[in-house]
Amino acid sequence: MTVISVIGLSRDIEDFLKFKRALGHPYGRGEFALRSFERYARQQATLEQRRSIQFESILKAWLSRIPDRKPVTIANDLGAVRQLCLFRRRRDPSGFVPEYA
C-alpha cells in the first residue's frame, strides 16, 4: 500500500506536468483529470484529519465518485493517473501503479 502526503502528490503532479510539457505535449485533458484527483485527495485528507493518503484507496474512491459514468471516461481518468504513477516510480521503485482492467 503506497502512502503519500497530499503535498507530495501536488508536487508530483506539478513535476509530471512540467515533464510532459517539456516533451511538447499540451496535456490539457490529462491535467484536468489530475487536478480533479488532487482536489479530491485534498478534500478526503481534510475530512479525515490526515495529512497522508493511501494512494490505492483514494484512487478507487475518486474513480467511483460519480455514479453511471461511462467506462471510457473512467479509463481516460485512470490513464492520466497511471502515467503519473509511472513517472513517480522513477523515484520510488515500489510505488503503486494501477493496472488497466
N, C-alpha and C. Protein backbone atom coordinates (compact mmCIF):
# COMPACT_ATOMS: atom_id res chain seq x y z
N MET A 1 0.84 -1.18 0.00
CA MET A 1 0.00 0.00 0.00
C MET A 1 0.89 1.24 0.00
N THR A 2 0.73 2.08 -0.98
CA THR A 2 1.50 3.30 -1.10
C THR A 2 0.82 4.42 -0.32
N VAL A 3 1.55 5.04 0.58
CA VAL A 3 1.05 6.18 1.35
C VAL A 3 1.83 7.40 0.90
N ILE A 4 1.10 8.47 0.59
CA ILE A 4 1.72 9.69 0.11
C ILE A 4 1.07 10.88 0.80
N SER A 5 1.84 11.92 1.01
CA SER A 5 1.25 13.14 1.58
C SER A 5 0.53 13.90 0.47
N VAL A 6 -0.43 14.69 0.87
CA VAL A 6 -1.17 15.50 -0.10
C VAL A 6 -0.22 16.51 -0.75
N ILE A 7 0.68 17.05 0.04
CA ILE A 7 1.67 18.00 -0.50
C ILE A 7 2.59 17.29 -1.50
N GLY A 8 2.99 16.05 -1.18
CA GLY A 8 3.82 15.28 -2.09
C GLY A 8 3.10 14.97 -3.39
N LEU A 9 1.81 14.67 -3.30
CA LEU A 9 1.02 14.42 -4.50
C LEU A 9 0.97 15.66 -5.38
N SER A 10 0.73 16.82 -4.77
CA SER A 10 0.69 18.07 -5.52
C SER A 10 2.02 18.35 -6.21
N ARG A 11 3.10 18.13 -5.49
CA ARG A 11 4.44 18.34 -6.06
C ARG A 11 4.69 17.39 -7.22
N ASP A 12 4.30 16.13 -7.05
CA ASP A 12 4.50 15.15 -8.11
C ASP A 12 3.69 15.49 -9.35
N ILE A 13 2.48 15.99 -9.16
CA ILE A 13 1.65 16.39 -10.30
C ILE A 13 2.31 17.55 -11.03
N GLU A 14 2.81 18.55 -10.29
CA GLU A 14 3.48 19.69 -10.92
C GLU A 14 4.70 19.23 -11.71
N ASP A 15 5.52 18.37 -11.10
CA ASP A 15 6.72 17.86 -11.79
C ASP A 15 6.35 17.07 -13.03
N PHE A 16 5.31 16.26 -12.94
CA PHE A 16 4.87 15.45 -14.08
C PHE A 16 4.38 16.34 -15.22
N LEU A 17 3.59 17.36 -14.90
CA LEU A 17 3.09 18.26 -15.94
C LEU A 17 4.22 19.03 -16.61
N LYS A 18 5.21 19.45 -15.83
CA LYS A 18 6.39 20.11 -16.42
C LYS A 18 7.12 19.16 -17.36
N PHE A 19 7.25 17.91 -16.95
CA PHE A 19 7.91 16.89 -17.77
C PHE A 19 7.16 16.69 -19.08
N LYS A 20 5.84 16.51 -19.02
CA LYS A 20 5.05 16.30 -20.23
C LYS A 20 5.14 17.50 -21.18
N ARG A 21 5.09 18.70 -20.62
CA ARG A 21 5.14 19.90 -21.45
C ARG A 21 6.53 20.12 -22.03
N ALA A 22 7.56 19.71 -21.30
CA ALA A 22 8.92 19.80 -21.84
C ALA A 22 9.10 18.90 -23.05
N LEU A 23 8.30 17.83 -23.09
CA LEU A 23 8.34 16.93 -24.25
C LEU A 23 7.46 17.42 -25.40
N GLY A 24 6.74 18.54 -25.18
CA GLY A 24 5.93 19.11 -26.24
C GLY A 24 4.47 18.71 -26.22
N HIS A 25 4.03 18.05 -25.16
CA HIS A 25 2.64 17.65 -25.05
C HIS A 25 1.85 18.74 -24.32
N PRO A 26 0.73 19.20 -24.87
CA PRO A 26 -0.07 20.19 -24.14
C PRO A 26 -0.72 19.58 -22.90
N TYR A 27 -1.15 18.34 -22.98
CA TYR A 27 -1.65 17.54 -21.86
C TYR A 27 -2.79 18.21 -21.10
N GLY A 28 -3.69 18.88 -21.82
CA GLY A 28 -4.80 19.60 -21.20
C GLY A 28 -5.80 18.69 -20.52
N ARG A 29 -6.27 17.65 -21.21
CA ARG A 29 -7.26 16.73 -20.63
C ARG A 29 -6.65 15.97 -19.45
N GLY A 30 -5.40 15.56 -19.60
CA GLY A 30 -4.73 14.87 -18.50
C GLY A 30 -4.56 15.75 -17.28
N GLU A 31 -4.22 17.03 -17.50
CA GLU A 31 -4.09 17.95 -16.38
C GLU A 31 -5.43 18.12 -15.67
N PHE A 32 -6.50 18.22 -16.44
CA PHE A 32 -7.83 18.37 -15.84
C PHE A 32 -8.13 17.18 -14.92
N ALA A 33 -7.84 15.97 -15.38
CA ALA A 33 -8.08 14.77 -14.57
C ALA A 33 -7.20 14.76 -13.33
N LEU A 34 -5.92 15.10 -13.48
CA LEU A 34 -5.00 15.08 -12.35
C LEU A 34 -5.36 16.14 -11.31
N ARG A 35 -5.79 17.30 -11.75
CA ARG A 35 -6.20 18.35 -10.81
C ARG A 35 -7.46 17.93 -10.05
N SER A 36 -8.36 17.25 -10.75
CA SER A 36 -9.56 16.74 -10.09
C SER A 36 -9.18 15.71 -9.03
N PHE A 37 -8.27 14.81 -9.36
CA PHE A 37 -7.80 13.81 -8.42
C PHE A 37 -7.12 14.48 -7.22
N GLU A 38 -6.32 15.50 -7.48
CA GLU A 38 -5.62 16.22 -6.42
C GLU A 38 -6.62 16.90 -5.47
N ARG A 39 -7.64 17.56 -6.02
CA ARG A 39 -8.66 18.21 -5.19
C ARG A 39 -9.41 17.18 -4.34
N TYR A 40 -9.75 16.05 -4.96
CA TYR A 40 -10.46 15.00 -4.23
C TYR A 40 -9.61 14.47 -3.08
N ALA A 41 -8.33 14.22 -3.35
CA ALA A 41 -7.43 13.71 -2.31
C ALA A 41 -7.29 14.71 -1.19
N ARG A 42 -7.18 15.98 -1.53
CA ARG A 42 -7.06 17.03 -0.51
C ARG A 42 -8.32 17.10 0.36
N GLN A 43 -9.49 17.00 -0.26
CA GLN A 43 -10.74 17.03 0.49
C GLN A 43 -10.85 15.83 1.43
N GLN A 44 -10.49 14.67 0.94
CA GLN A 44 -10.57 13.47 1.77
C GLN A 44 -9.59 13.53 2.92
N ALA A 45 -8.41 14.04 2.69
CA ALA A 45 -7.43 14.16 3.76
C ALA A 45 -7.91 15.15 4.81
N THR A 46 -8.57 16.22 4.40
CA THR A 46 -9.10 17.20 5.34
C THR A 46 -10.25 16.62 6.14
N LEU A 47 -11.12 15.88 5.47
CA LEU A 47 -12.27 15.29 6.16
C LEU A 47 -11.84 14.29 7.21
N GLU A 48 -10.81 13.55 6.93
CA GLU A 48 -10.38 12.51 7.85
C GLU A 48 -9.28 12.98 8.79
N GLN A 49 -8.97 14.28 8.75
CA GLN A 49 -7.96 14.87 9.62
C GLN A 49 -6.60 14.18 9.49
N ARG A 50 -6.24 13.88 8.25
CA ARG A 50 -4.93 13.27 8.00
C ARG A 50 -4.18 14.10 6.98
N ARG A 51 -2.89 14.00 7.03
CA ARG A 51 -2.06 14.67 6.04
C ARG A 51 -1.61 13.70 4.96
N SER A 52 -1.77 12.43 5.21
CA SER A 52 -1.35 11.40 4.26
C SER A 52 -2.56 10.66 3.74
N ILE A 53 -2.41 10.13 2.54
CA ILE A 53 -3.49 9.36 1.94
C ILE A 53 -2.94 8.02 1.46
N GLN A 54 -3.80 7.02 1.45
CA GLN A 54 -3.45 5.73 0.86
C GLN A 54 -3.82 5.83 -0.62
N PHE A 55 -2.80 5.81 -1.45
CA PHE A 55 -2.97 6.12 -2.87
C PHE A 55 -4.01 5.22 -3.54
N GLU A 56 -3.93 3.91 -3.31
CA GLU A 56 -4.82 2.97 -3.98
C GLU A 56 -6.28 3.21 -3.60
N SER A 57 -6.54 3.38 -2.32
CA SER A 57 -7.93 3.53 -1.88
C SER A 57 -8.51 4.87 -2.32
N ILE A 58 -7.71 5.93 -2.29
CA ILE A 58 -8.23 7.23 -2.71
C ILE A 58 -8.47 7.24 -4.23
N LEU A 59 -7.65 6.51 -4.98
CA LEU A 59 -7.85 6.41 -6.42
C LEU A 59 -9.16 5.69 -6.75
N LYS A 60 -9.41 4.58 -6.07
CA LYS A 60 -10.65 3.84 -6.30
C LYS A 60 -11.87 4.69 -5.95
N ALA A 61 -11.79 5.40 -4.83
CA ALA A 61 -12.90 6.26 -4.42
C ALA A 61 -13.12 7.39 -5.42
N TRP A 62 -12.03 7.97 -5.93
CA TRP A 62 -12.14 9.07 -6.89
C TRP A 62 -12.76 8.59 -8.20
N LEU A 63 -12.33 7.42 -8.67
CA LEU A 63 -12.87 6.90 -9.93
C LEU A 63 -14.35 6.54 -9.82
N SER A 64 -14.80 6.19 -8.64
CA SER A 64 -16.20 5.78 -8.47
C SER A 64 -17.07 6.87 -7.83
N ARG A 65 -16.57 8.08 -7.77
CA ARG A 65 -17.28 9.17 -7.08
C ARG A 65 -18.57 9.59 -7.77
N ILE A 66 -18.66 9.41 -9.08
CA ILE A 66 -19.84 9.81 -9.83
C ILE A 66 -20.50 8.55 -10.38
N PRO A 67 -21.73 8.26 -9.95
CA PRO A 67 -22.40 7.05 -10.44
C PRO A 67 -22.75 7.19 -11.93
N ASP A 68 -22.83 6.06 -12.59
CA ASP A 68 -23.24 5.98 -14.00
C ASP A 68 -22.29 6.69 -14.97
N ARG A 69 -21.02 6.78 -14.63
CA ARG A 69 -20.05 7.33 -15.58
C ARG A 69 -19.79 6.31 -16.66
N LYS A 70 -19.51 6.77 -17.84
CA LYS A 70 -19.20 5.86 -18.94
C LYS A 70 -17.81 5.27 -18.75
N PRO A 71 -17.66 4.01 -19.13
CA PRO A 71 -16.35 3.36 -18.96
C PRO A 71 -15.21 4.10 -19.66
N VAL A 72 -15.47 4.72 -20.79
CA VAL A 72 -14.41 5.43 -21.50
C VAL A 72 -13.92 6.64 -20.69
N THR A 73 -14.81 7.30 -19.98
CA THR A 73 -14.43 8.43 -19.15
C THR A 73 -13.57 7.97 -17.97
N ILE A 74 -13.98 6.88 -17.37
CA ILE A 74 -13.20 6.33 -16.26
C ILE A 74 -11.82 5.90 -16.76
N ALA A 75 -11.77 5.27 -17.93
CA ALA A 75 -10.49 4.82 -18.49
C ALA A 75 -9.58 6.00 -18.80
N ASN A 76 -10.13 7.10 -19.29
CA ASN A 76 -9.32 8.29 -19.58
C ASN A 76 -8.73 8.86 -18.28
N ASP A 77 -9.54 8.95 -17.25
CA ASP A 77 -9.05 9.45 -15.96
C ASP A 77 -8.00 8.51 -15.37
N LEU A 78 -8.27 7.23 -15.44
CA LEU A 78 -7.31 6.25 -14.93
C LEU A 78 -6.00 6.32 -15.70
N GLY A 79 -6.08 6.53 -17.01
CA GLY A 79 -4.87 6.63 -17.83
C GLY A 79 -3.97 7.77 -17.40
N ALA A 80 -4.56 8.92 -17.09
CA ALA A 80 -3.77 10.07 -16.65
C ALA A 80 -3.08 9.78 -15.31
N VAL A 81 -3.82 9.19 -14.38
CA VAL A 81 -3.24 8.88 -13.07
C VAL A 81 -2.19 7.78 -13.21
N ARG A 82 -2.43 6.83 -14.09
CA ARG A 82 -1.46 5.75 -14.31
C ARG A 82 -0.13 6.31 -14.83
N GLN A 83 -0.21 7.26 -15.76
CA GLN A 83 1.02 7.90 -16.27
C GLN A 83 1.75 8.63 -15.16
N LEU A 84 1.00 9.30 -14.28
CA LEU A 84 1.61 9.96 -13.13
C LEU A 84 2.32 8.93 -12.25
N CYS A 85 1.67 7.81 -12.01
CA CYS A 85 2.26 6.76 -11.16
C CYS A 85 3.53 6.19 -11.78
N LEU A 86 3.54 6.01 -13.09
CA LEU A 86 4.75 5.53 -13.76
C LEU A 86 5.87 6.56 -13.63
N PHE A 87 5.54 7.82 -13.71
CA PHE A 87 6.51 8.90 -13.51
C PHE A 87 7.04 8.87 -12.08
N ARG A 88 6.15 8.69 -11.10
CA ARG A 88 6.54 8.62 -9.69
C ARG A 88 7.45 7.42 -9.41
N ARG A 89 7.24 6.36 -10.14
CA ARG A 89 8.00 5.13 -9.91
C ARG A 89 9.49 5.32 -10.20
N ARG A 90 9.84 6.35 -10.93
CA ARG A 90 11.26 6.63 -11.17
C ARG A 90 11.99 6.93 -9.87
N ARG A 91 11.31 7.58 -8.94
CA ARG A 91 11.90 7.89 -7.63
C ARG A 91 11.61 6.83 -6.59
N ASP A 92 10.48 6.16 -6.74
CA ASP A 92 10.06 5.16 -5.75
C ASP A 92 9.73 3.86 -6.49
N PRO A 93 10.72 2.98 -6.66
CA PRO A 93 10.50 1.75 -7.42
C PRO A 93 9.39 0.86 -6.88
N SER A 94 9.02 1.02 -5.62
CA SER A 94 7.96 0.20 -5.05
C SER A 94 6.61 0.91 -5.10
N GLY A 95 6.55 2.07 -5.75
CA GLY A 95 5.33 2.85 -5.80
C GLY A 95 4.22 2.13 -6.56
N PHE A 96 3.00 2.46 -6.20
CA PHE A 96 1.81 1.85 -6.80
C PHE A 96 1.60 2.35 -8.22
N VAL A 97 1.29 1.42 -9.12
CA VAL A 97 0.88 1.74 -10.49
C VAL A 97 -0.38 0.93 -10.76
N PRO A 98 -1.51 1.62 -11.02
CA PRO A 98 -2.75 0.88 -11.28
C PRO A 98 -2.68 0.13 -12.60
N GLU A 99 -3.35 -0.99 -12.63
CA GLU A 99 -3.40 -1.80 -13.86
C GLU A 99 -4.68 -1.47 -14.59
N TYR A 100 -4.62 -1.61 -15.90
CA TYR A 100 -5.85 -1.48 -16.67
C TYR A 100 -6.65 -2.77 -16.52
N ALA A 101 -7.93 -2.63 -16.35
CA ALA A 101 -8.79 -3.81 -16.17
C ALA A 101 -9.13 -4.44 -17.50
